[in-house]
Amino acid sequence: MYKVPTLLGLIIGLGLLNACQQSAPTDDPEKLKKVLQNYFDGIKNKDFKKMLGATTDDFVLFESGKVWNNDSAFKNMRKHMPYSVDYKFSNFRINVDNLSGDMTYYNHADFVFRDTVKENIDWIESATFRKKDGAWKMNLLHVTERR
């Protein structure tokens, strides 16, 4: 049968493995939502510094087949000014540990361009985040129109 030291070693090993899995540090998912909200508040208020503050230096935005970085996104925003927009987020699914996180969610936007043209858009979005110097930053945003 089993020798006592072998069985005891197996039990201790499984206990340590279980303890290591349970003690993995996680951060508050609401912190990631706040970074996302800051980014979209930057778009809403045409505050490029706020957008930059919410993203990493290597941030990339994939939107409906186009690839943007912050500079190209800013240029595109300027082409559509003046505008106003309100965002509504829902259906969040968030995974976060202590150094990285990701989320999926729905985004609904009500735009008004040049005070006359109204447009309502629904998207399915996903974002990834990294903690840098103790602060969360978004490093990827993927946007697809929801139909």
N, C-alpha and C. Protein backbone atom coordinates (compact mmCIF):
# COMPACT_ATOMS: atom_id res chain seq x y z
N MET A 1 0.84 -1.17 0.00
CA MET A 1 0.00 0.00 0.00
C MET A 1 0.89 1.24 0.00
N TYR A 2 0.35 2.39 0.46
CA TYR A 2 1.10 3.64 0.50
C TYR A 2 1.93 3.71 1.77
N LYS A 3 3.09 4.26 1.63
CA LYS A 3 3.90 4.51 2.81
C LYS A 3 3.46 5.83 3.41
N VAL A 4 3.47 5.95 4.69
CA VAL A 4 3.01 7.14 5.38
C VAL A 4 3.75 8.38 4.91
N PRO A 5 5.10 8.39 4.78
CA PRO A 5 5.78 9.61 4.32
C PRO A 5 5.36 10.02 2.90
N THR A 6 5.11 9.08 2.01
CA THR A 6 4.70 9.41 0.64
C THR A 6 3.31 10.04 0.64
N LEU A 7 2.40 9.45 1.35
CA LEU A 7 1.04 9.98 1.44
C LEU A 7 1.04 11.35 2.11
N LEU A 8 1.80 11.51 3.17
CA LEU A 8 1.90 12.80 3.86
C LEU A 8 2.49 13.86 2.94
N GLY A 9 3.52 13.49 2.17
CA GLY A 9 4.13 14.42 1.21
C GLY A 9 3.14 14.85 0.14
N LEU A 10 2.33 13.92 -0.34
CA LEU A 10 1.31 14.23 -1.35
C LEU A 10 0.26 15.18 -0.78
N ILE A 11 -0.17 14.94 0.44
CA ILE A 11 -1.17 15.81 1.07
C ILE A 11 -0.60 17.21 1.28
N ILE A 12 0.62 17.31 1.76
CA ILE A 12 1.25 18.61 1.97
C ILE A 12 1.43 19.33 0.64
N GLY A 13 1.88 18.61 -0.38
CA GLY A 13 2.08 19.22 -1.70
C GLY A 13 0.78 19.77 -2.27
N LEU A 14 -0.30 19.02 -2.17
CA LEU A 14 -1.60 19.50 -2.67
C LEU A 14 -2.08 20.69 -1.86
N GLY A 15 -1.84 20.66 -0.55
CA GLY A 15 -2.23 21.80 0.29
C GLY A 15 -1.47 23.06 -0.08
N LEU A 16 -0.16 22.93 -0.34
CA LEU A 16 0.63 24.10 -0.75
C LEU A 16 0.20 24.63 -2.11
N LEU A 17 -0.07 23.72 -3.04
CA LEU A 17 -0.54 24.14 -4.37
C LEU A 17 -1.85 24.90 -4.27
N ASN A 18 -2.76 24.40 -3.47
CA ASN A 18 -4.05 25.06 -3.27
C ASN A 18 -3.86 26.43 -2.61
N ALA A 19 -3.00 26.52 -1.63
CA ALA A 19 -2.75 27.79 -0.93
C ALA A 19 -2.16 28.82 -1.88
N CYS A 20 -1.24 28.40 -2.75
CA CYS A 20 -0.63 29.33 -3.71
C CYS A 20 -1.67 29.87 -4.69
N GLN A 21 -2.57 29.01 -5.15
CA GLN A 21 -3.59 29.45 -6.09
C GLN A 21 -4.56 30.42 -5.44
N GLN A 22 -4.89 30.23 -4.19
CA GLN A 22 -5.85 31.09 -3.52
C GLN A 22 -5.26 32.42 -3.11
N SER A 23 -3.93 32.51 -2.97
CA SER A 23 -3.34 33.73 -2.47
C SER A 23 -2.87 34.68 -3.58
N ALA A 24 -3.16 34.36 -4.84
CA ALA A 24 -2.77 35.27 -5.93
C ALA A 24 -3.46 36.61 -5.72
N PRO A 25 -2.70 37.68 -5.65
CA PRO A 25 -3.32 38.98 -5.37
C PRO A 25 -4.17 39.47 -6.54
N THR A 26 -5.28 40.08 -6.22
CA THR A 26 -6.13 40.69 -7.23
C THR A 26 -6.39 42.14 -6.83
N ASP A 27 -6.77 42.93 -7.80
CA ASP A 27 -7.09 44.33 -7.55
C ASP A 27 -8.59 44.53 -7.77
N ASP A 28 -9.07 45.68 -7.45
CA ASP A 28 -10.49 46.01 -7.54
C ASP A 28 -10.89 46.26 -9.00
N PRO A 29 -11.83 45.50 -9.55
CA PRO A 29 -12.29 45.72 -10.92
C PRO A 29 -12.82 47.13 -11.17
N GLU A 30 -13.33 47.78 -10.14
CA GLU A 30 -13.85 49.14 -10.29
C GLU A 30 -12.74 50.12 -10.70
N LYS A 31 -11.51 49.82 -10.36
CA LYS A 31 -10.40 50.68 -10.78
C LYS A 31 -10.24 50.67 -12.29
N LEU A 32 -10.45 49.52 -12.91
CA LEU A 32 -10.37 49.43 -14.37
C LEU A 32 -11.52 50.20 -15.01
N LYS A 33 -12.71 50.09 -14.44
CA LYS A 33 -13.85 50.86 -14.95
C LYS A 33 -13.57 52.35 -14.88
N LYS A 34 -12.91 52.80 -13.82
CA LYS A 34 -12.60 54.22 -13.66
C LYS A 34 -11.63 54.69 -14.75
N VAL A 35 -10.63 53.89 -15.08
CA VAL A 35 -9.70 54.24 -16.15
C VAL A 35 -10.45 54.34 -17.47
N LEU A 36 -11.32 53.37 -17.74
CA LEU A 36 -12.12 53.39 -18.97
C LEU A 36 -12.99 54.65 -19.01
N GLN A 37 -13.65 54.95 -17.91
CA GLN A 37 -14.51 56.13 -17.84
C GLN A 37 -13.69 57.40 -18.08
N ASN A 38 -12.51 57.47 -17.49
CA ASN A 38 -11.64 58.64 -17.70
C ASN A 38 -11.30 58.81 -19.18
N TYR A 39 -11.01 57.71 -19.85
CA TYR A 39 -10.68 57.78 -21.28
C TYR A 39 -11.87 58.34 -22.07
N PHE A 40 -13.05 57.82 -21.83
CA PHE A 40 -14.22 58.29 -22.57
C PHE A 40 -14.67 59.68 -22.13
N ASP A 41 -14.42 60.04 -20.88
CA ASP A 41 -14.66 61.43 -20.47
C ASP A 41 -13.73 62.37 -21.24
N GLY A 42 -12.51 61.90 -21.48
CA GLY A 42 -11.58 62.69 -22.30
C GLY A 42 -12.12 62.92 -23.71
N ILE A 43 -12.69 61.88 -24.30
CA ILE A 43 -13.29 62.03 -25.64
C ILE A 43 -14.46 63.00 -25.56
N LYS A 44 -15.33 62.79 -24.59
CA LYS A 44 -16.52 63.62 -24.44
C LYS A 44 -16.16 65.10 -24.28
N ASN A 45 -15.14 65.37 -23.47
CA ASN A 45 -14.76 66.75 -23.17
C ASN A 45 -13.62 67.28 -24.04
N LYS A 46 -13.26 66.48 -25.04
CA LYS A 46 -12.16 66.87 -25.95
C LYS A 46 -10.89 67.19 -25.16
N ASP A 47 -10.65 66.40 -24.14
CA ASP A 47 -9.53 66.57 -23.23
C ASP A 47 -8.47 65.52 -23.55
N PHE A 48 -7.57 65.87 -24.46
CA PHE A 48 -6.56 64.92 -24.92
C PHE A 48 -5.62 64.50 -23.80
N LYS A 49 -5.34 65.39 -22.86
CA LYS A 49 -4.46 65.05 -21.73
C LYS A 49 -5.11 63.98 -20.85
N LYS A 50 -6.41 64.07 -20.69
CA LYS A 50 -7.11 63.06 -19.88
C LYS A 50 -7.06 61.70 -20.58
N MET A 51 -7.21 61.71 -21.90
CA MET A 51 -7.12 60.47 -22.66
C MET A 51 -5.71 59.88 -22.53
N LEU A 52 -4.70 60.73 -22.69
CA LEU A 52 -3.32 60.26 -22.56
C LEU A 52 -3.04 59.73 -21.16
N GLY A 53 -3.60 60.37 -20.15
CA GLY A 53 -3.39 59.95 -18.77
C GLY A 53 -4.00 58.60 -18.46
N ALA A 54 -4.97 58.18 -19.26
CA ALA A 54 -5.64 56.90 -19.03
C ALA A 54 -5.00 55.75 -19.80
N THR A 55 -4.01 56.06 -20.66
CA THR A 55 -3.45 55.03 -21.55
C THR A 55 -1.94 54.91 -21.40
N THR A 56 -1.44 53.75 -21.81
CA THR A 56 -0.01 53.52 -21.84
C THR A 56 0.60 54.22 -23.05
N ASP A 57 1.91 54.35 -23.05
CA ASP A 57 2.60 54.99 -24.18
C ASP A 57 2.42 54.22 -25.49
N ASP A 58 2.23 52.90 -25.39
CA ASP A 58 2.08 52.07 -26.58
C ASP A 58 0.61 51.70 -26.84
N PHE A 59 -0.32 52.50 -26.33
CA PHE A 59 -1.75 52.26 -26.49
C PHE A 59 -2.11 52.10 -27.96
N VAL A 60 -2.99 51.14 -28.24
CA VAL A 60 -3.51 50.94 -29.59
C VAL A 60 -5.02 50.76 -29.50
N LEU A 61 -5.71 51.33 -30.49
CA LEU A 61 -7.17 51.26 -30.60
C LEU A 61 -7.48 50.60 -31.93
N PHE A 62 -8.18 49.47 -31.88
CA PHE A 62 -8.69 48.81 -33.08
C PHE A 62 -10.17 49.14 -33.16
N GLU A 63 -10.57 49.86 -34.21
CA GLU A 63 -11.98 50.26 -34.33
C GLU A 63 -12.48 49.95 -35.72
N SER A 64 -13.36 48.95 -35.79
CA SER A 64 -14.03 48.59 -37.04
C SER A 64 -13.05 48.47 -38.20
N GLY A 65 -11.97 47.75 -37.99
CA GLY A 65 -11.00 47.50 -39.05
C GLY A 65 -9.91 48.53 -39.18
N LYS A 66 -9.95 49.60 -38.42
CA LYS A 66 -8.90 50.63 -38.45
C LYS A 66 -8.02 50.50 -37.22
N VAL A 67 -6.75 50.87 -37.39
CA VAL A 67 -5.80 50.84 -36.29
C VAL A 67 -5.41 52.28 -35.96
N TRP A 68 -5.60 52.66 -34.70
CA TRP A 68 -5.30 54.01 -34.25
C TRP A 68 -4.32 53.96 -33.08
N ASN A 69 -3.59 55.04 -32.90
CA ASN A 69 -2.92 55.31 -31.64
C ASN A 69 -3.53 56.60 -31.12
N ASN A 70 -3.05 57.12 -30.01
CA ASN A 70 -3.67 58.34 -29.48
C ASN A 70 -3.55 59.50 -30.46
N ASP A 71 -2.39 59.67 -31.10
CA ASP A 71 -2.22 60.80 -32.02
C ASP A 71 -3.21 60.74 -33.18
N SER A 72 -3.36 59.58 -33.79
CA SER A 72 -4.28 59.48 -34.92
C SER A 72 -5.73 59.61 -34.46
N ALA A 73 -6.05 59.11 -33.27
CA ALA A 73 -7.41 59.28 -32.74
C ALA A 73 -7.71 60.76 -32.49
N PHE A 74 -6.73 61.50 -31.95
CA PHE A 74 -6.92 62.93 -31.72
C PHE A 74 -7.18 63.67 -33.02
N LYS A 75 -6.39 63.35 -34.05
CA LYS A 75 -6.58 64.00 -35.35
C LYS A 75 -7.98 63.73 -35.89
N ASN A 76 -8.45 62.50 -35.76
CA ASN A 76 -9.79 62.16 -36.23
C ASN A 76 -10.86 62.90 -35.44
N MET A 77 -10.68 63.02 -34.13
CA MET A 77 -11.64 63.76 -33.30
C MET A 77 -11.73 65.21 -33.74
N ARG A 78 -10.59 65.81 -34.02
CA ARG A 78 -10.57 67.23 -34.45
C ARG A 78 -11.34 67.43 -35.74
N LYS A 79 -11.31 66.44 -36.63
CA LYS A 79 -12.03 66.55 -37.90
C LYS A 79 -13.54 66.60 -37.70
N HIS A 80 -14.02 66.04 -36.60
CA HIS A 80 -15.46 65.96 -36.35
C HIS A 80 -15.98 67.02 -35.38
N MET A 81 -15.11 67.93 -34.97
CA MET A 81 -15.55 68.99 -34.04
C MET A 81 -16.34 70.04 -34.79
N PRO A 82 -17.29 70.67 -34.18
CA PRO A 82 -17.73 70.45 -32.81
C PRO A 82 -18.67 69.25 -32.73
N TYR A 83 -18.62 68.59 -31.61
CA TYR A 83 -19.53 67.48 -31.34
C TYR A 83 -19.81 67.42 -29.85
N SER A 84 -20.89 66.72 -29.53
CA SER A 84 -21.16 66.38 -28.14
C SER A 84 -21.51 64.89 -28.13
N VAL A 85 -21.24 64.25 -27.00
CA VAL A 85 -21.49 62.81 -26.92
C VAL A 85 -21.77 62.43 -25.47
N ASP A 86 -22.68 61.48 -25.33
CA ASP A 86 -22.94 60.86 -24.04
C ASP A 86 -22.78 59.35 -24.21
N TYR A 87 -22.03 58.75 -23.30
CA TYR A 87 -21.78 57.31 -23.34
C TYR A 87 -22.53 56.62 -22.21
N LYS A 88 -23.01 55.41 -22.51
CA LYS A 88 -23.63 54.55 -21.50
C LYS A 88 -23.01 53.16 -21.65
N PHE A 89 -22.44 52.66 -20.56
CA PHE A 89 -21.77 51.36 -20.56
C PHE A 89 -22.63 50.35 -19.81
N SER A 90 -22.59 49.11 -20.27
CA SER A 90 -23.34 48.05 -19.59
C SER A 90 -22.69 46.69 -19.86
N ASN A 91 -23.20 45.70 -19.16
CA ASN A 91 -22.83 44.30 -19.37
C ASN A 91 -21.32 44.05 -19.20
N PHE A 92 -20.75 44.61 -18.16
CA PHE A 92 -19.32 44.44 -17.90
C PHE A 92 -18.99 43.01 -17.49
N ARG A 93 -17.88 42.53 -18.02
CA ARG A 93 -17.24 41.29 -17.57
C ARG A 93 -15.78 41.63 -17.41
N ILE A 94 -15.29 41.53 -16.18
CA ILE A 94 -13.95 42.01 -15.86
C ILE A 94 -13.14 40.92 -15.19
N ASN A 95 -11.90 40.77 -15.66
CA ASN A 95 -10.92 39.89 -15.03
C ASN A 95 -9.73 40.76 -14.65
N VAL A 96 -9.25 40.62 -13.42
CA VAL A 96 -8.13 41.45 -13.00
C VAL A 96 -7.29 40.67 -11.99
N ASP A 97 -5.98 40.80 -12.11
CA ASP A 97 -5.10 40.32 -11.06
C ASP A 97 -4.38 41.54 -10.51
N ASN A 98 -3.19 41.40 -10.06
CA ASN A 98 -2.52 42.54 -9.45
C ASN A 98 -1.77 43.40 -10.47
N LEU A 99 -1.47 42.88 -11.67
CA LEU A 99 -0.67 43.62 -12.64
C LEU A 99 -1.34 43.81 -13.99
N SER A 100 -2.39 43.06 -14.28
CA SER A 100 -3.05 43.19 -15.57
C SER A 100 -4.53 42.91 -15.43
N GLY A 101 -5.29 43.36 -16.41
CA GLY A 101 -6.73 43.14 -16.38
C GLY A 101 -7.31 43.26 -17.78
N ASP A 102 -8.49 42.73 -17.94
CA ASP A 102 -9.20 42.87 -19.20
C ASP A 102 -10.69 42.95 -18.92
N MET A 103 -11.41 43.52 -19.86
CA MET A 103 -12.86 43.64 -19.71
C MET A 103 -13.52 43.59 -21.07
N THR A 104 -14.76 43.15 -21.07
CA THR A 104 -15.65 43.27 -22.22
C THR A 104 -16.90 43.98 -21.72
N TYR A 105 -17.57 44.70 -22.61
CA TYR A 105 -18.75 45.47 -22.22
C TYR A 105 -19.44 45.99 -23.46
N TYR A 106 -20.63 46.54 -23.28
CA TYR A 106 -21.36 47.23 -24.33
C TYR A 106 -21.22 48.73 -24.11
N ASN A 107 -21.14 49.46 -25.21
CA ASN A 107 -21.05 50.91 -25.15
C ASN A 107 -22.12 51.48 -26.09
N HIS A 108 -22.94 52.35 -25.57
CA HIS A 108 -23.94 53.06 -26.38
C HIS A 108 -23.58 54.54 -26.35
N ALA A 109 -23.53 55.15 -27.53
CA ALA A 109 -23.19 56.57 -27.62
C ALA A 109 -24.26 57.33 -28.38
N ASP A 110 -24.59 58.50 -27.84
CA ASP A 110 -25.48 59.44 -28.51
C ASP A 110 -24.65 60.65 -28.90
N PHE A 111 -24.38 60.79 -30.20
CA PHE A 111 -23.58 61.89 -30.73
C PHE A 111 -24.46 62.97 -31.32
N VAL A 112 -23.99 64.21 -31.26
CA VAL A 112 -24.54 65.32 -32.02
C VAL A 112 -23.33 66.03 -32.64
N PHE A 113 -23.30 66.07 -33.98
CA PHE A 113 -22.21 66.71 -34.70
C PHE A 113 -22.68 68.05 -35.25
N ARG A 114 -21.88 69.07 -35.05
CA ARG A 114 -22.14 70.42 -35.56
C ARG A 114 -23.55 70.90 -35.19
N ASP A 115 -23.98 70.49 -34.01
CA ASP A 115 -25.26 70.92 -33.42
C ASP A 115 -26.49 70.49 -34.21
N THR A 116 -26.34 69.67 -35.24
CA THR A 116 -27.52 69.29 -36.01
C THR A 116 -27.61 67.81 -36.32
N VAL A 117 -26.52 67.16 -36.63
CA VAL A 117 -26.54 65.76 -37.06
C VAL A 117 -26.47 64.85 -35.84
N LYS A 118 -27.54 64.07 -35.65
CA LYS A 118 -27.59 63.15 -34.50
C LYS A 118 -27.28 61.73 -34.98
N GLU A 119 -26.51 61.04 -34.16
CA GLU A 119 -26.16 59.66 -34.49
C GLU A 119 -26.08 58.86 -33.20
N ASN A 120 -26.75 57.71 -33.19
CA ASN A 120 -26.70 56.79 -32.05
C ASN A 120 -25.95 55.54 -32.50
N ILE A 121 -24.98 55.11 -31.71
CA ILE A 121 -24.16 53.97 -32.08
C ILE A 121 -24.04 53.03 -30.89
N ASP A 122 -24.13 51.74 -31.18
CA ASP A 122 -23.91 50.70 -30.18
C ASP A 122 -22.68 49.91 -30.57
N TRP A 123 -21.81 49.66 -29.60
CA TRP A 123 -20.59 48.90 -29.83
C TRP A 123 -20.48 47.75 -28.84
N ILE A 124 -19.74 46.73 -29.24
CA ILE A 124 -19.21 45.70 -28.35
C ILE A 124 -17.74 46.04 -28.22
N GLU A 125 -17.24 46.17 -27.00
CA GLU A 125 -15.86 46.59 -26.82
C GLU A 125 -15.14 45.68 -25.85
N SER A 126 -13.83 45.63 -26.02
CA SER A 126 -12.97 44.95 -25.06
C SER A 126 -11.74 45.81 -24.85
N ALA A 127 -11.21 45.75 -23.64
CA ALA A 127 -10.04 46.56 -23.30
C ALA A 127 -9.12 45.75 -22.41
N THR A 128 -7.82 46.01 -22.54
CA THR A 128 -6.85 45.41 -21.65
C THR A 128 -6.10 46.51 -20.92
N PHE A 129 -5.65 46.18 -19.73
CA PHE A 129 -5.04 47.16 -18.82
C PHE A 129 -3.76 46.58 -18.23
N ARG A 130 -2.83 47.48 -17.92
CA ARG A 130 -1.61 47.12 -17.21
C ARG A 130 -1.41 48.10 -16.06
N LYS A 131 -0.85 47.59 -15.00
CA LYS A 131 -0.50 48.47 -13.89
C LYS A 131 0.94 48.92 -14.11
N LYS A 132 1.14 50.24 -14.14
CA LYS A 132 2.46 50.79 -14.35
C LYS A 132 2.73 51.80 -13.24
N ASP A 133 3.81 51.59 -12.51
CA ASP A 133 4.16 52.47 -11.38
C ASP A 133 3.00 52.62 -10.41
N GLY A 134 2.27 51.52 -10.19
CA GLY A 134 1.18 51.52 -9.22
C GLY A 134 -0.14 52.07 -9.73
N ALA A 135 -0.19 52.49 -11.00
CA ALA A 135 -1.43 53.07 -11.56
C ALA A 135 -1.89 52.24 -12.76
N TRP A 136 -3.19 52.05 -12.85
CA TRP A 136 -3.76 51.32 -13.97
C TRP A 136 -3.80 52.20 -15.22
N LYS A 137 -3.45 51.61 -16.37
CA LYS A 137 -3.51 52.29 -17.66
C LYS A 137 -4.09 51.31 -18.68
N MET A 138 -4.87 51.84 -19.61
CA MET A 138 -5.41 51.02 -20.69
C MET A 138 -4.35 50.93 -21.79
N ASN A 139 -4.07 49.72 -22.27
CA ASN A 139 -3.09 49.58 -23.34
C ASN A 139 -3.70 49.10 -24.65
N LEU A 140 -4.95 48.63 -24.63
CA LEU A 140 -5.61 48.19 -25.85
C LEU A 140 -7.11 48.40 -25.71
N LEU A 141 -7.70 48.92 -26.76
CA LEU A 141 -9.16 49.06 -26.83
C LEU A 141 -9.59 48.53 -28.19
N HIS A 142 -10.51 47.58 -28.18
CA HIS A 142 -11.02 47.00 -29.43
C HIS A 142 -12.51 47.30 -29.52
N VAL A 143 -12.92 47.91 -30.62
CA VAL A 143 -14.29 48.40 -30.78
C VAL A 143 -14.89 47.81 -32.06
N THR A 144 -16.07 47.20 -31.93
CA THR A 144 -16.81 46.68 -33.07
C THR A 144 -18.25 47.13 -32.95
N GLU A 145 -18.80 47.61 -34.05
CA GLU A 145 -20.20 48.04 -34.01
C GLU A 145 -21.09 46.85 -33.72
N ARG A 146 -22.05 47.09 -32.84
CA ARG A 146 -22.98 46.04 -32.40
C ARG A 146 -24.23 46.09 -33.26
N ARG A 147 -24.60 44.97 -33.80
CA ARG A 147 -25.79 44.90 -34.66
C ARG A 147 -26.78 43.91 -34.12
